Amino acid sequence: MADGLPLSGARVAQFLKILEMMAAGDLGVLIASRYGQISIVTPLTAAYPLVTLAFASLVLRERITLLQWSCVVAILAGMYLCTA
């Protein structure tokens, strides 16, 4: 590639692994929606920002701010209230 990141075999493999994980997540949501109670599945799938935040913190070593922690608490409280 002339512009952007170099396209090596390792980078292609990493990209394919990311696509595989995204497809598995989407498949999991489809299966859960088909066989699970939608009143439980919907709040759980709506909490996907928690996965993004966990990835950013654990893998990318980003610091979670007080506002983000507040949002985590609000999301978890909302999930509890929706499924209780």
C-alpha atoms as a PDB file:
ATOM      1  CA  MET A   1       0.000   0.000   0.000  1.00  0.00           C
ATOM      2  CA  ALA A   2       1.314   3.414  -0.857  1.00  0.00           C
ATOM      3  CA  ASP A   3      -0.601   5.268   1.870  1.00  0.00           C
ATOM      4  CA  GLY A   4      -1.555   4.251   5.376  1.00  0.00           C
ATOM      5  CA  LEU A   5      -0.345   1.216   7.255  1.00  0.00           C
ATOM      6  CA  PRO A   6       1.832  -1.394   5.583  1.00  0.00           C
ATOM      7  CA  LEU A   7      -0.124  -4.532   4.690  1.00  0.00           C
ATOM      8  CA  SER A   8       1.898  -7.435   6.069  1.00  0.00           C
ATOM      9  CA  GLY A   9       0.766 -11.005   6.574  1.00  0.00           C
ATOM     10  CA  ALA A  10       0.624 -10.492  10.336  1.00  0.00           C
ATOM     11  CA  ARG A  11      -1.567  -7.410   9.952  1.00  0.00           C
ATOM     12  CA  VAL A  12      -3.951  -9.263   7.625  1.00  0.00           C
ATOM     13  CA  ALA A  13      -4.151 -12.154  10.125  1.00  0.00           C
ATOM     14  CA  GLN A  14      -4.890  -9.686  12.942  1.00  0.00           C
ATOM     15  CA  PHE A  15      -7.599  -8.031  10.856  1.00  0.00           C
ATOM     16  CA  LEU A  16      -9.189 -11.399  10.045  1.00  0.00           C
ATOM     17  CA  LYS A  17      -9.154 -12.349  13.734  1.00  0.00           C
ATOM     18  CA  ILE A  18     -10.985  -9.107  14.582  1.00  0.00           C
ATOM     19  CA  LEU A  19     -13.578  -9.827  11.888  1.00  0.00           C
ATOM     20  CA  GLU A  20     -13.980 -13.351  13.266  1.00  0.00           C
ATOM     21  CA  MET A  21     -14.635 -12.028  16.775  1.00  0.00           C
ATOM     22  CA  MET A  22     -17.150  -9.484  15.473  1.00  0.00           C
ATOM     23  CA  ALA A  23     -18.985 -12.158  13.487  1.00  0.00           C
ATOM     24  CA  ALA A  24     -19.053 -14.467  16.530  1.00  0.00           C
ATOM     25  CA  GLY A  25     -20.499 -11.652  18.631  1.00  0.00           C
ATOM     26  CA  ASP A  26     -23.189 -10.924  16.051  1.00  0.00           C
ATOM     27  CA  LEU A  27     -24.011 -14.629  15.795  1.00  0.00           C
ATOM     28  CA  GLY A  28     -24.289 -14.800  19.582  1.00  0.00           C
ATOM     29  CA  VAL A  29     -26.767 -11.925  19.573  1.00  0.00           C
ATOM     30  CA  LEU A  30     -28.835 -13.600  16.855  1.00  0.00           C
ATOM     31  CA  ILE A  31     -28.924 -16.912  18.733  1.00  0.00           C
ATOM     32  CA  ALA A  32     -29.750 -15.190  22.027  1.00  0.00           C
ATOM     33  CA  SER A  33     -32.545 -13.218  20.357  1.00  0.00           C
ATOM     34  CA  ARG A  34     -33.965 -16.376  18.814  1.00  0.00           C
ATOM     35  CA  TYR A  35     -33.894 -18.599  21.903  1.00  0.00           C
ATOM     36  CA  GLY A  36     -33.690 -16.216  24.852  1.00  0.00           C
ATOM     37  CA  GLN A  37     -36.152 -13.848  26.441  1.00  0.00           C
ATOM     38  CA  ILE A  38     -35.974 -10.617  24.498  1.00  0.00           C
ATOM     39  CA  SER A  39     -36.582  -8.649  27.698  1.00  0.00           C
ATOM     40  CA  ILE A  40     -33.231  -9.946  28.963  1.00  0.00           C
ATOM     41  CA  VAL A  41     -31.300 -10.122  25.687  1.00  0.00           C
ATOM     42  CA  THR A  42     -31.955  -6.505  24.669  1.00  0.00           C
ATOM     43  CA  PRO A  43     -30.524  -4.809  27.793  1.00  0.00           C
ATOM     44  CA  LEU A  44     -27.520  -7.117  27.745  1.00  0.00           C
ATOM     45  CA  THR A  45     -26.726  -6.413  24.101  1.00  0.00           C
ATOM     46  CA  ALA A  46     -27.286  -2.691  24.629  1.00  0.00           C
ATOM     47  CA  ALA A  47     -24.418  -2.741  27.107  1.00  0.00           C
ATOM     48  CA  TYR A  48     -21.801  -3.274  24.371  1.00  0.00           C
ATOM     49  CA  PRO A  49     -19.986  -0.033  25.317  1.00  0.00           C
ATOM     50  CA  LEU A  50     -18.829  -1.861  28.447  1.00  0.00           C
ATOM     51  CA  VAL A  51     -16.956  -4.337  26.249  1.00  0.00           C
ATOM     52  CA  THR A  52     -15.355  -1.464  24.345  1.00  0.00           C
ATOM     53  CA  LEU A  53     -14.346   0.234  27.584  1.00  0.00           C
ATOM     54  CA  ALA A  54     -12.916  -2.999  28.991  1.00  0.00           C
ATOM     55  CA  PHE A  55     -10.928  -3.534  25.778  1.00  0.00           C
ATOM     56  CA  ALA A  56      -9.584   0.008  25.884  1.00  0.00           C
ATOM     57  CA  SER A  57      -8.558  -0.391  29.507  1.00  0.00           C
ATOM     58  CA  LEU A  58      -7.097  -3.904  29.433  1.00  0.00           C
ATOM     59  CA  VAL A  59      -5.582  -4.124  25.965  1.00  0.00           C
ATOM     60  CA  LEU A  60      -4.822  -0.522  25.042  1.00  0.00           C
ATOM     61  CA  ARG A  61      -3.960   0.467  28.629  1.00  0.00           C
ATOM     62  CA  GLU A  62      -6.179   3.546  28.498  1.00  0.00           C
ATOM     63  CA  ARG A  63      -7.184   5.178  31.774  1.00  0.00           C
ATOM     64  CA  ILE A  64     -10.903   5.128  32.583  1.00  0.00           C
ATOM     65  CA  THR A  65     -12.150   8.557  33.646  1.00  0.00           C
ATOM     66  CA  LEU A  66     -14.585   9.332  36.438  1.00  0.00           C
ATOM     67  CA  LEU A  67     -17.287  10.128  33.865  1.00  0.00           C
ATOM     68  CA  GLN A  68     -16.775   6.735  32.221  1.00  0.00           C
ATOM     69  CA  TRP A  69     -16.992   4.966  35.602  1.00  0.00           C
ATOM     70  CA  SER A  70     -20.230   6.878  36.251  1.00  0.00           C
ATOM     71  CA  CYS A  71     -21.590   5.630  32.930  1.00  0.00           C
ATOM     72  CA  VAL A  72     -20.570   2.058  33.791  1.00  0.00           C
ATOM     73  CA  VAL A  73     -22.554   2.302  37.025  1.00  0.00           C
ATOM     74  CA  ALA A  74     -25.550   3.756  35.164  1.00  0.00           C
ATOM     75  CA  ILE A  75     -25.446   1.005  32.519  1.00  0.00           C
ATOM     76  CA  LEU A  76     -25.197  -1.752  35.132  1.00  0.00           C
ATOM     77  CA  ALA A  77     -28.028  -0.223  37.158  1.00  0.00           C
ATOM     78  CA  GLY A  78     -30.157   0.033  34.027  1.00  0.00           C
ATOM     79  CA  MET A  79     -29.441  -3.580  33.118  1.00  0.00           C
ATOM     80  CA  TYR A  80     -30.468  -4.652  36.604  1.00  0.00           C
ATOM     81  CA  LEU A  81     -33.669  -2.608  36.526  1.00  0.00           C
ATOM     82  CA  CYS A  82     -34.629  -3.892  33.059  1.00  0.00           C
ATOM     83  CA  THR A  83     -34.079  -7.544  33.892  1.00  0.00           C
ATOM     84  CA  ALA A  84     -35.315  -7.607  37.491  1.00  0.00           C
END
